[in-house]
PDB file of N, CA and C in Angstrom:
ATOM      1  N   MET A   1      76.244  73.648 -62.629  1.00  0.00           N
ATOM      2  CA  MET A   1      75.933  72.421 -61.926  1.00  0.00           C
ATOM      3  C   MET A   1      76.347  72.572 -60.462  1.00  0.00           C
ATOM      4  N   PRO A   2      75.459  72.186 -59.496  1.00  0.00           N
ATOM      5  CA  PRO A   2      75.788  72.351 -58.088  1.00  0.00           C
ATOM      6  C   PRO A   2      76.920  71.413 -57.672  1.00  0.00           C
ATOM      7  N   ASN A   3      77.715  71.896 -56.734  1.00  0.00           N
ATOM      8  CA  ASN A   3      78.816  71.106 -56.202  1.00  0.00           C
ATOM      9  C   ASN A   3      78.269  70.153 -55.145  1.00  0.00           C
ATOM     10  N   PRO A   4      78.395  68.816 -55.304  1.00  0.00           N
ATOM     11  CA  PRO A   4      77.831  67.883 -54.325  1.00  0.00           C
ATOM     12  C   PRO A   4      78.548  67.919 -52.985  1.00  0.00           C
ATOM     13  N   HIS A   5      79.755  68.487 -52.934  1.00  0.00           N
ATOM     14  CA  HIS A   5      80.493  68.554 -51.682  1.00  0.00           C
ATOM     15  C   HIS A   5      80.288  69.868 -50.948  1.00  0.00           C
ATOM     16  N   GLN A   6      79.507  70.762 -51.519  1.00  0.00           N
ATOM     17  CA  GLN A   6      79.214  72.036 -50.881  1.00  0.00           C
ATOM     18  C   GLN A   6      78.199  71.800 -49.770  1.00  0.00           C
ATOM     19  N   ASN A   7      78.321  72.559 -48.664  1.00  0.00           N
ATOM     20  CA  ASN A   7      77.388  72.396 -47.550  1.00  0.00           C
ATOM     21  C   ASN A   7      75.960  72.664 -47.991  1.00  0.00           C
ATOM     22  N   ALA A   8      75.073  71.750 -47.650  1.00  0.00           N
ATOM     23  CA  ALA A   8      73.659  71.947 -47.930  1.00  0.00           C
ATOM     24  C   ALA A   8      73.092  72.899 -46.884  1.00  0.00           C
ATOM     25  N   LYS A   9      71.971  73.523 -47.198  1.00  0.00           N
ATOM     26  CA  LYS A   9      71.320  74.387 -46.223  1.00  0.00           C
ATOM     27  C   LYS A   9      70.705  73.520 -45.139  1.00  0.00           C
ATOM     28  N   GLY A  10      70.677  74.047 -43.944  1.00  0.00           N
ATOM     29  CA  GLY A  10      70.071  73.338 -42.828  1.00  0.00           C
ATOM     30  C   GLY A  10      71.068  72.421 -42.138  1.00  0.00           C
ATOM     31  N   PRO A  11      70.637  71.858 -40.985  1.00  0.00           N
ATOM     32  CA  PRO A  11      71.517  70.961 -40.247  1.00  0.00           C
ATOM     33  C   PRO A  11      71.789  69.691 -41.035  1.00  0.00           C
ATOM     34  N   ALA A  12      72.951  69.107 -40.822  1.00  0.00           N
ATOM     35  CA  ALA A  12      73.316  67.862 -41.499  1.00  0.00           C
ATOM     36  C   ALA A  12      74.092  66.984 -40.535  1.00  0.00           C
ATOM     37  N   ILE A  13      73.886  65.678 -40.630  1.00  0.00           N
ATOM     38  CA  ILE A  13      74.644  64.724 -39.820  1.00  0.00           C
ATOM     39  C   ILE A  13      75.970  64.467 -40.527  1.00  0.00           C
ATOM     40  N   ARG A  14      77.057  64.705 -39.832  1.00  0.00           N
ATOM     41  CA  ARG A  14      78.398  64.476 -40.395  1.00  0.00           C
ATOM     42  C   ARG A  14      78.976  63.141 -39.927  1.00  0.00           C
ATOM     43  N   GLN A  15      78.541  62.675 -38.746  1.00  0.00           N
ATOM     44  CA  GLN A  15      78.977  61.384 -38.233  1.00  0.00           C
ATOM     45  C   GLN A  15      77.851  60.813 -37.390  1.00  0.00           C
ATOM     46  N   LEU A  16      77.623  59.505 -37.509  1.00  0.00           N
ATOM     47  CA  LEU A  16      76.606  58.820 -36.715  1.00  0.00           C
ATOM     48  C   LEU A  16      77.227  57.544 -36.175  1.00  0.00           C
ATOM     49  N   GLU A  17      77.074  57.342 -34.864  1.00  0.00           N
ATOM     50  CA  GLU A  17      77.566  56.107 -34.248  1.00  0.00           C
ATOM     51  C   GLU A  17      76.442  55.500 -33.420  1.00  0.00           C
ATOM     52  N   ILE A  18      76.220  54.210 -33.624  1.00  0.00           N
ATOM     53  CA  ILE A  18      75.175  53.478 -32.914  1.00  0.00           C
ATOM     54  C   ILE A  18      75.822  52.232 -32.317  1.00  0.00           C
ATOM     55  N   GLN A  19      75.545  51.991 -31.034  1.00  0.00           N
ATOM     56  CA  GLN A  19      76.058  50.794 -30.376  1.00  0.00           C
ATOM     57  C   GLN A  19      74.955  50.129 -29.576  1.00  0.00           C
ATOM     58  N   ASN A  20      74.875  48.809 -29.689  1.00  0.00           N
ATOM     59  CA  ASN A  20      73.975  47.972 -28.884  1.00  0.00           C
ATOM     60  C   ASN A  20      72.510  48.376 -29.004  1.00  0.00           C
ATOM     61  N   PHE A  21      72.088  48.764 -30.183  1.00  0.00           N
ATOM     62  CA  PHE A  21      70.703  49.181 -30.402  1.00  0.00           C
ATOM     63  C   PHE A  21      70.042  48.230 -31.390  1.00  0.00           C
ATOM     64  N   ARG A  22      69.053  47.516 -30.908  1.00  0.00           N
ATOM     65  CA  ARG A  22      68.283  46.556 -31.702  1.00  0.00           C
ATOM     66  C   ARG A  22      69.218  45.578 -32.410  1.00  0.00           C
ATOM     67  N   GLY A  23      69.196  45.510 -33.739  1.00  0.00           N
ATOM     68  CA  GLY A  23      70.035  44.554 -34.459  1.00  0.00           C
ATOM     69  C   GLY A  23      71.446  45.031 -34.719  1.00  0.00           C
ATOM     70  N   ILE A  24      71.797  46.209 -34.222  1.00  0.00           N
ATOM     71  CA  ILE A  24      73.120  46.780 -34.495  1.00  0.00           C
ATOM     72  C   ILE A  24      74.004  46.664 -33.253  1.00  0.00           C
ATOM     73  N   HIS A  25      75.104  45.930 -33.388  1.00  0.00           N
ATOM     74  CA  HIS A  25      76.087  45.863 -32.305  1.00  0.00           C
ATOM     75  C   HIS A  25      76.946  47.130 -32.314  1.00  0.00           C
ATOM     76  N   HIS A  26      77.535  47.442 -33.471  1.00  0.00           N
ATOM     77  CA  HIS A  26      78.315  48.675 -33.603  1.00  0.00           C
ATOM     78  C   HIS A  26      78.255  49.143 -35.050  1.00  0.00           C
ATOM     79  N   PHE A  27      77.957  50.424 -35.221  1.00  0.00           N
ATOM     80  CA  PHE A  27      77.818  51.016 -36.557  1.00  0.00           C
ATOM     81  C   PHE A  27      78.361  52.432 -36.495  1.00  0.00           C
ATOM     82  N   LYS A  28      79.262  52.756 -37.400  1.00  0.00           N
ATOM     83  CA  LYS A  28      79.782  54.121 -37.484  1.00  0.00           C
ATOM     84  C   LYS A  28      79.707  54.538 -38.940  1.00  0.00           C
ATOM     85  N   TRP A  29      79.153  55.735 -39.175  1.00  0.00           N
ATOM     86  CA  TRP A  29      78.891  56.189 -40.542  1.00  0.00           C
ATOM     87  C   TRP A  29      79.232  57.665 -40.656  1.00  0.00           C
ATOM     88  N   TYR A  30      79.852  58.010 -41.769  1.00  0.00           N
ATOM     89  CA  TYR A  30      80.156  59.393 -42.101  1.00  0.00           C
ATOM     90  C   TYR A  30      79.378  59.732 -43.373  1.00  0.00           C
ATOM     91  N   PRO A  31      78.127  60.188 -43.237  1.00  0.00           N
ATOM     92  CA  PRO A  31      77.333  60.486 -44.433  1.00  0.00           C
ATOM     93  C   PRO A  31      78.005  61.545 -45.300  1.00  0.00           C
ATOM     94  N   ALA A  32      77.883  61.374 -46.597  1.00  0.00           N
ATOM     95  CA  ALA A  32      78.413  62.361 -47.540  1.00  0.00           C
ATOM     96  C   ALA A  32      77.522  63.594 -47.520  1.00  0.00           C
ATOM     97  N   PRO A  33      78.072  64.750 -47.857  1.00  0.00           N
ATOM     98  CA  PRO A  33      77.225  65.949 -47.963  1.00  0.00           C
ATOM     99  C   PRO A  33      76.130  65.717 -49.004  1.00  0.00           C
ATOM    100  N   GLY A  34      74.989  66.300 -48.777  1.00  0.00           N
ATOM    101  CA  GLY A  34      73.864  66.122 -49.695  1.00  0.00           C
ATOM    102  C   GLY A  34      73.033  64.919 -49.305  1.00  0.00           C
ATOM    103  N   MET A  35      72.377  64.341 -50.284  1.00  0.00           N
ATOM    104  CA  MET A  35      71.480  63.219 -50.033  1.00  0.00           C
ATOM    105  C   MET A  35      72.262  61.907 -49.973  1.00  0.00           C
ATOM    106  N   ASN A  36      71.902  61.082 -48.998  1.00  0.00           N
ATOM    107  CA  ASN A  36      72.467  59.748 -48.863  1.00  0.00           C
ATOM    108  C   ASN A  36      71.333  58.757 -48.964  1.00  0.00           C
ATOM    109  N   VAL A  37      71.575  57.631 -49.603  1.00  0.00           N
ATOM    110  CA  VAL A  37      70.561  56.599 -49.769  1.00  0.00           C
ATOM    111  C   VAL A  37      71.080  55.327 -49.119  1.00  0.00           C
ATOM    112  N   VAL A  38      70.278  54.758 -48.216  1.00  0.00           N
ATOM    113  CA  VAL A  38      70.641  53.514 -47.549  1.00  0.00           C
ATOM    114  C   VAL A  38      69.770  52.425 -48.151  1.00  0.00           C
ATOM    115  N   THR A  39      70.403  51.462 -48.812  1.00  0.00           N
ATOM    116  CA  THR A  39      69.659  50.390 -49.467  1.00  0.00           C
ATOM    117  C   THR A  39      70.186  49.036 -49.020  1.00  0.00           C
ATOM    118  N   GLY A  40      69.419  48.020 -49.297  1.00  0.00           N
ATOM    119  CA  GLY A  40      69.851  46.659 -49.000  1.00  0.00           C
ATOM    120  C   GLY A  40      68.654  45.775 -48.736  1.00  0.00           C
ATOM    121  N   PRO A  41      68.909  44.474 -48.579  1.00  0.00           N
ATOM    122  CA  PRO A  41      67.821  43.532 -48.321  1.00  0.00           C
ATOM    123  C   PRO A  41      67.195  43.774 -46.951  1.00  0.00           C
ATOM    124  N   GLY A  42      66.099  43.101 -46.688  1.00  0.00           N
ATOM    125  CA  GLY A  42      65.400  43.256 -45.417  1.00  0.00           C
ATOM    126  C   GLY A  42      66.212  42.756 -44.242  1.00  0.00           C
ATOM    127  N   ASP A  43      65.895  43.277 -43.078  1.00  0.00           N
ATOM    128  CA  ASP A  43      66.497  42.851 -41.811  1.00  0.00           C
ATOM    129  C   ASP A  43      68.009  43.033 -41.734  1.00  0.00           C
ATOM    130  N   ILE A  44      68.524  44.131 -42.323  1.00  0.00           N
ATOM    131  CA  ILE A  44      69.953  44.402 -42.159  1.00  0.00           C
ATOM    132  C   ILE A  44      70.198  45.672 -41.344  1.00  0.00           C
ATOM    133  N   GLY A  45      69.122  46.410 -40.977  1.00  0.00           N
ATOM    134  CA  GLY A  45      69.285  47.542 -40.082  1.00  0.00           C
ATOM    135  C   GLY A  45      68.930  48.908 -40.636  1.00  0.00           C
ATOM    136  N   LYS A  46      68.376  48.978 -41.835  1.00  0.00           N
ATOM    137  CA  LYS A  46      68.042  50.296 -42.416  1.00  0.00           C
ATOM    138  C   LYS A  46      67.054  51.050 -41.537  1.00  0.00           C
ATOM    139  N   SER A  47      65.987  50.405 -41.138  1.00  0.00           N
ATOM    140  CA  SER A  47      64.980  51.065 -40.294  1.00  0.00           C
ATOM    141  C   SER A  47      65.523  51.356 -38.905  1.00  0.00           C
ATOM    142  N   THR A  48      66.418  50.514 -38.421  1.00  0.00           N
ATOM    143  CA  THR A  48      67.029  50.745 -37.110  1.00  0.00           C
ATOM    144  C   THR A  48      67.877  52.007 -37.133  1.00  0.00           C
ATOM    145  N   ILE A  49      68.586  52.240 -38.223  1.00  0.00           N
ATOM    146  CA  ILE A  49      69.374  53.468 -38.358  1.00  0.00           C
ATOM    147  C   ILE A  49      68.452  54.683 -38.319  1.00  0.00           C
ATOM    148  N   LEU A  50      67.339  54.624 -39.049  1.00  0.00           N
ATOM    149  CA  LEU A  50      66.397  55.741 -39.054  1.00  0.00           C
ATOM    150  C   LEU A  50      65.764  55.941 -37.680  1.00  0.00           C
ATOM    151  N   SER A  51      65.443  54.853 -36.992  1.00  0.00           N
ATOM    152  CA  SER A  51      64.877  54.965 -35.639  1.00  0.00           C
ATOM    153  C   SER A  51      65.876  55.592 -34.682  1.00  0.00           C
ATOM    154  N   ALA A  52      67.140  55.217 -34.800  1.00  0.00           N
ATOM    155  CA  ALA A  52      68.171  55.786 -33.930  1.00  0.00           C
ATOM    156  C   ALA A  52      68.290  57.294 -34.153  1.00  0.00           C
ATOM    157  N   ILE A  53      68.265  57.710 -35.417  1.00  0.00           N
ATOM    158  CA  ILE A  53      68.323  59.146 -35.722  1.00  0.00           C
ATOM    159  C   ILE A  53      67.091  59.847 -35.149  1.00  0.00           C
ATOM    160  N   ALA A  54      65.923  59.227 -35.284  1.00  0.00           N
ATOM    161  CA  ALA A  54      64.692  59.820 -34.753  1.00  0.00           C
ATOM    162  C   ALA A  54      64.765  59.944 -33.237  1.00  0.00           C
ATOM    163  N   PHE A  55      65.267  58.905 -32.539  1.00  0.00           N
ATOM    164  CA  PHE A  55      65.425  58.986 -31.081  1.00  0.00           C
ATOM    165  C   PHE A  55      66.381  60.107 -30.705  1.00  0.00           C
ATOM    166  N   LEU A  56      67.474  60.204 -31.433  1.00  0.00           N
ATOM    167  CA  LEU A  56      68.499  61.194 -31.116  1.00  0.00           C
ATOM    168  C   LEU A  56      67.998  62.621 -31.291  1.00  0.00           C
ATOM    169  N   LEU A  57      67.252  62.872 -32.337  1.00  0.00           N
ATOM    170  CA  LEU A  57      66.817  64.233 -32.647  1.00  0.00           C
ATOM    171  C   LEU A  57      65.430  64.572 -32.123  1.00  0.00           C
ATOM    172  N   SER A  58      64.766  63.636 -31.477  1.00  0.00           N
ATOM    173  CA  SER A  58      63.416  63.875 -30.990  1.00  0.00           C
ATOM    174  C   SER A  58      63.422  64.867 -29.828  1.00  0.00           C
ATOM    175  N   PRO A  59      62.628  65.917 -29.927  1.00  0.00           N
ATOM    176  CA  PRO A  59      62.530  66.853 -28.808  1.00  0.00           C
ATOM    177  C   PRO A  59      61.614  66.342 -27.697  1.00  0.00           C
ATOM    178  N   ALA A  60      60.976  65.176 -27.905  1.00  0.00           N
ATOM    179  CA  ALA A  60      60.066  64.629 -26.898  1.00  0.00           C
ATOM    180  C   ALA A  60      60.866  64.189 -25.673  1.00  0.00           C
ATOM    181  N   PRO A  61      60.473  64.648 -24.476  1.00  0.00           N
ATOM    182  CA  PRO A  61      61.235  64.310 -23.276  1.00  0.00           C
ATOM    183  C   PRO A  61      61.056  62.869 -22.821  1.00  0.00           C
ATOM    184  N   ALA A  62      59.950  62.238 -23.174  1.00  0.00           N
ATOM    185  CA  ALA A  62      59.671  60.882 -22.711  1.00  0.00           C
ATOM    186  C   ALA A  62      60.046  59.881 -23.803  1.00  0.00           C
ATOM    187  N   LEU A  63      61.101  59.133 -23.549  1.00  0.00           N
ATOM    188  CA  LEU A  63      61.556  58.131 -24.497  1.00  0.00           C
ATOM    189  C   LEU A  63      61.492  56.786 -23.809  1.00  0.00           C
ATOM    190  N   THR A  64      60.787  55.840 -24.397  1.00  0.00           N
ATOM    191  CA  THR A  64      60.651  54.521 -23.797  1.00  0.00           C
ATOM    192  C   THR A  64      61.567  53.537 -24.497  1.00  0.00           C
ATOM    193  N   ILE A  65      62.457  52.940 -23.732  1.00  0.00           N
ATOM    194  CA  ILE A  65      63.350  51.901 -24.227  1.00  0.00           C
ATOM    195  C   ILE A  65      62.983  50.631 -23.477  1.00  0.00           C
ATOM    196  N   THR A  66      62.803  49.543 -24.197  1.00  0.00           N
ATOM    197  CA  THR A  66      62.511  48.261 -23.562  1.00  0.00           C
ATOM    198  C   THR A  66      63.681  47.319 -23.769  1.00  0.00           C
ATOM    199  N   GLU A  67      63.609  46.146 -23.163  1.00  0.00           N
ATOM    200  CA  GLU A  67      64.691  45.170 -23.316  1.00  0.00           C
ATOM    201  C   GLU A  67      64.859  44.762 -24.776  1.00  0.00           C
ATOM    202  N   PHE A  68      63.807  44.908 -25.581  1.00  0.00           N
ATOM    203  CA  PHE A  68      63.875  44.530 -26.990  1.00  0.00           C
ATOM    204  C   PHE A  68      64.680  45.529 -27.823  1.00  0.00           C
ATOM    205  N   ASP A  69      64.940  46.716 -27.281  1.00  0.00           N
ATOM    206  CA  ASP A  69      65.748  47.712 -27.981  1.00  0.00           C
ATOM    207  C   ASP A  69      67.248  47.485 -27.778  1.00  0.00           C
ATOM    208  N   PHE A  70      67.631  46.621 -26.829  1.00  0.00           N
ATOM    209  CA  PHE A  70      69.033  46.312 -26.596  1.00  0.00           C
ATOM    210  C   PHE A  70      69.482  45.206 -27.548  1.00  0.00           C
ATOM    211  N   HIS A  71      70.680  45.355 -28.080  1.00  0.00           N
ATOM    212  CA  HIS A  71      71.229  44.350 -28.994  1.00  0.00           C
ATOM    213  C   HIS A  71      71.261  42.997 -28.285  1.00  0.00           C
ATOM    214  N   LYS A  72      70.626  42.004 -28.889  1.00  0.00           N
ATOM    215  CA  LYS A  72      70.516  40.643 -28.336  1.00  0.00           C
ATOM    216  C   LYS A  72      69.964  40.649 -26.909  1.00  0.00           C
ATOM    217  N   ARG A  73      69.131  41.657 -26.606  1.00  0.00           N
ATOM    218  CA  ARG A  73      68.494  41.831 -25.292  1.00  0.00           C
ATOM    219  C   ARG A  73      69.506  41.890 -24.160  1.00  0.00           C
ATOM    220  N   SER A  74      70.714  42.316 -24.462  1.00  0.00           N
ATOM    221  CA  SER A  74      71.776  42.406 -23.463  1.00  0.00           C
ATOM    222  C   SER A  74      71.689  43.761 -22.766  1.00  0.00           C
ATOM    223  N   THR A  75      70.899  43.807 -21.696  1.00  0.00           N
ATOM    224  CA  THR A  75      70.677  45.066 -20.990  1.00  0.00           C
ATOM    225  C   THR A  75      71.875  45.482 -20.143  1.00  0.00           C
ATOM    226  N   GLY A  76      72.892  44.645 -20.084  1.00  0.00           N
ATOM    227  CA  GLY A  76      74.098  44.985 -19.338  1.00  0.00           C
ATOM    228  C   GLY A  76      75.023  45.927 -20.102  1.00  0.00           C
ATOM    229  N   HIS A  77      74.739  46.160 -21.373  1.00  0.00           N
ATOM    230  CA  HIS A  77      75.531  47.081 -22.186  1.00  0.00           C
ATOM    231  C   HIS A  77      74.658  48.276 -22.566  1.00  0.00           C
ATOM    232  N   ASN A  78      75.190  49.462 -22.420  1.00  0.00           N
ATOM    233  CA  ASN A  78      74.434  50.677 -22.726  1.00  0.00           C
ATOM    234  C   ASN A  78      74.152  50.800 -24.213  1.00  0.00           C
ATOM    235  N   ILE A  79      73.008  51.366 -24.522  1.00  0.00           N
ATOM    236  CA  ILE A  79      72.707  51.779 -25.897  1.00  0.00           C
ATOM    237  C   ILE A  79      73.349  53.148 -26.078  1.00  0.00           C
ATOM    238  N   ILE A  80      74.113  53.305 -27.152  1.00  0.00           N
ATOM    239  CA  ILE A  80      74.759  54.579 -27.440  1.00  0.00           C
ATOM    240  C   ILE A  80      74.359  55.017 -28.843  1.00  0.00           C
ATOM    241  N   ILE A  81      73.808  56.208 -28.926  1.00  0.00           N
ATOM    242  CA  ILE A  81      73.472  56.816 -30.213  1.00  0.00           C
ATOM    243  C   ILE A  81      74.050  58.227 -30.177  1.00  0.00           C
ATOM    244  N   GLU A  82      75.067  58.467 -30.998  1.00  0.00           N
ATOM    245  CA  GLU A  82      75.740  59.761 -31.011  1.00  0.00           C
ATOM    246  C   GLU A  82      75.835  60.261 -32.441  1.00  0.00           C
ATOM    247  N   ALA A  83      75.785  61.567 -32.580  1.00  0.00           N
ATOM    248  CA  ALA A  83      75.940  62.166 -33.903  1.00  0.00           C
ATOM    249  C   ALA A  83      76.695  63.478 -33.787  1.00  0.00           C
ATOM    250  N   VAL A  84      77.384  63.793 -34.852  1.00  0.00           N
ATOM    251  CA  VAL A  84      78.005  65.103 -35.004  1.00  0.00           C
ATOM    252  C   VAL A  84      77.172  65.833 -36.039  1.00  0.00           C
ATOM    253  N   LEU A  85      76.606  66.976 -35.645  1.00  0.00           N
ATOM    254  CA  LEU A  85      75.777  67.765 -36.547  1.00  0.00           C
ATOM    255  C   LEU A  85      76.540  68.973 -37.042  1.00  0.00           C
ATOM    256  N   ALA A  86      76.346  69.298 -38.297  1.00  0.00           N
ATOM    257  CA  ALA A  86      76.893  70.533 -38.865  1.00  0.00           C
ATOM    258  C   ALA A  86      75.744  71.512 -39.008  1.00  0.00           C
ATOM    259  N   LEU A  87      75.957  72.706 -38.495  1.00  0.00           N
ATOM    260  CA  LEU A  87      74.942  73.751 -38.591  1.00  0.00           C
ATOM    261  C   LEU A  87      75.543  74.929 -39.344  1.00  0.00           C
ATOM    262  N   ASN A  88      74.821  75.423 -40.320  1.00  0.00           N
ATOM    263  CA  ASN A  88      75.275  76.611 -41.029  1.00  0.00           C
ATOM    264  C   ASN A  88      75.001  77.869 -40.228  1.00  0.00           C
ATOM    265  N   ASP A  89      73.987  77.803 -39.380  1.00  0.00           N
ATOM    266  CA  ASP A  89      73.554  78.976 -38.642  1.00  0.00           C
ATOM    267  C   ASP A  89      72.904  78.491 -37.351  1.00  0.00           C
ATOM    268  N   LEU A  90      73.312  79.012 -36.206  1.00  0.00           N
ATOM    269  CA  LEU A  90      72.741  78.571 -34.937  1.00  0.00           C
ATOM    270  C   LEU A  90      71.252  78.857 -34.838  1.00  0.00           C
ATOM    271  N   ARG A  91      70.741  79.746 -35.675  1.00  0.00           N
ATOM    272  CA  ARG A  91      69.299  80.020 -35.670  1.00  0.00           C
ATOM    273  C   ARG A  91      68.518  78.833 -36.207  1.00  0.00           C
ATOM    274  N   GLU A  92      69.222  77.818 -36.771  1.00  0.00           N
ATOM    275  CA  GLU A  92      68.552  76.618 -37.270  1.00  0.00           C
ATOM    276  C   GLU A  92      68.069  75.731 -36.131  1.00  0.00           C
ATOM    277  N   LEU A  93      68.531  75.989 -34.903  1.00  0.00           N
ATOM    278  CA  LEU A  93      68.100  75.203 -33.752  1.00  0.00           C
ATOM    279  C   LEU A  93      66.849  75.803 -33.143  1.00  0.00           C
ATOM    280  N   SER A  94      66.009  74.945 -32.590  1.00  0.00           N
ATOM    281  CA  SER A  94      64.833  75.419 -31.880  1.00  0.00           C
ATOM    282  C   SER A  94      65.268  75.936 -30.509  1.00  0.00           C
ATOM    283  N   GLU A  95      64.350  76.449 -29.757  1.00  0.00           N
ATOM    284  CA  GLU A  95      64.663  76.957 -28.422  1.00  0.00           C
ATOM    285  C   GLU A  95      65.169  75.847 -27.510  1.00  0.00           C
ATOM    286  N   GLU A  96      64.749  74.601 -27.769  1.00  0.00           N
ATOM    287  CA  GLU A  96      65.153  73.472 -26.940  1.00  0.00           C
ATOM    288  C   GLU A  96      66.522  72.927 -27.340  1.00  0.00           C
ATOM    289  N   GLY A  97      67.100  73.428 -28.427  1.00  0.00           N
ATOM    290  CA  GLY A  97      68.412  72.968 -28.853  1.00  0.00           C
ATOM    291  C   GLY A  97      68.385  71.861 -29.881  1.00  0.00           C
ATOM    292  N   PHE A  98      67.229  71.599 -30.480  1.00  0.00           N
ATOM    293  CA  PHE A  98      67.098  70.555 -31.488  1.00  0.00           C
ATOM    294  C   PHE A  98      66.830  71.186 -32.845  1.00  0.00           C
ATOM    295  N   PRO A  99      67.223  70.489 -33.928  1.00  0.00           N
ATOM    296  CA  PRO A  99      66.832  70.988 -35.254  1.00  0.00           C
ATOM    297  C   PRO A  99      65.311  71.033 -35.340  1.00  0.00           C
ATOM    298  N   PRO A 100      64.770  71.952 -36.114  1.00  0.00           N
ATOM    299  CA  PRO A 100      63.310  72.033 -36.240  1.00  0.00           C
ATOM    300  C   PRO A 100      62.750  70.772 -36.882  1.00  0.00           C
ATOM    301  N   SER A 101      61.513  70.500 -36.577  1.00  0.00           N
ATOM    302  CA  SER A 101      60.844  69.333 -37.141  1.00  0.00           C
ATOM    303  C   SER A 101      60.755  69.457 -38.666  1.00  0.00           C
ATOM    304  N   ALA A 102      60.811  68.304 -39.332  1.00  0.00           N
ATOM    305  CA  ALA A 102      60.676  68.301 -40.783  1.00  0.00           C
ATOM    306  C   ALA A 102      59.258  68.661 -41.204  1.00  0.00           C
ATOM    307  N   ILE A 103      58.321  68.510 -40.273  1.00  0.00           N
ATOM    308  CA  ILE A 103      56.929  68.848 -40.554  1.00  0.00           C
ATOM    309  C   ILE A 103      56.660  70.229 -39.974  1.00  0.00           C
ATOM    310  N   THR A 104      56.243  71.139 -40.810  1.00  0.00           N
ATOM    311  CA  THR A 104      55.959  72.492 -40.334  1.00  0.00           C
ATOM    312  C   THR A 104      54.495  72.831 -40.609  1.00  0.00           C
ATOM    313  N   TRP A 105      53.938  73.644 -39.740  1.00  0.00           N
ATOM    314  CA  TRP A 105      52.545  74.059 -39.873  1.00  0.00           C
ATOM    315  C   TRP A 105      52.501  75.525 -40.243  1.00  0.00           C
ATOM    316  N   VAL A 106      51.644  75.842 -41.156  1.00  0.00           N
ATOM    317  CA  VAL A 106      51.454  77.222 -41.556  1.00  0.00           C
ATOM    318  C   VAL A 106      50.010  77.585 -41.229  1.00  0.00           C
ATOM    319  N   GLU A 107      49.853  78.575 -40.345  1.00  0.00           N
ATOM    320  CA  GLU A 107      48.522  79.013 -39.977  1.00  0.00           C
ATOM    321  C   GLU A 107      48.098  80.150 -40.891  1.00  0.00           C
ATOM    322  N   GLU A 108      46.897  80.061 -41.349  1.00  0.00           N
ATOM    323  CA  GLU A 108      46.390  81.100 -42.249  1.00  0.00           C
ATOM    324  C   GLU A 108      45.446  82.018 -41.529  1.00  0.00           C
TER     325      GLU A 108
END
């Protein structure tokens, strides 16, 4: 039986902190090794957490943030999205320094 606390292959988020982003004032999370499931009723921030991770790991240079992305539209406070990533091998990073996309293309 596999050990759930053993490092999984590929990059993994070990800590995620989100501040002043959409409906989240402050959120700090230490995901467990392996698969994590975020559940709950609507409008509690599940999609916001996923969007924050997508913004953080996106290799796209153009990121558009509007006043609606600030918690309670308070543009006087910075949006902070930080993560600690665990890498088993530095070759897991792309040339730009980001983990590879989850979608891969195979040319035949």
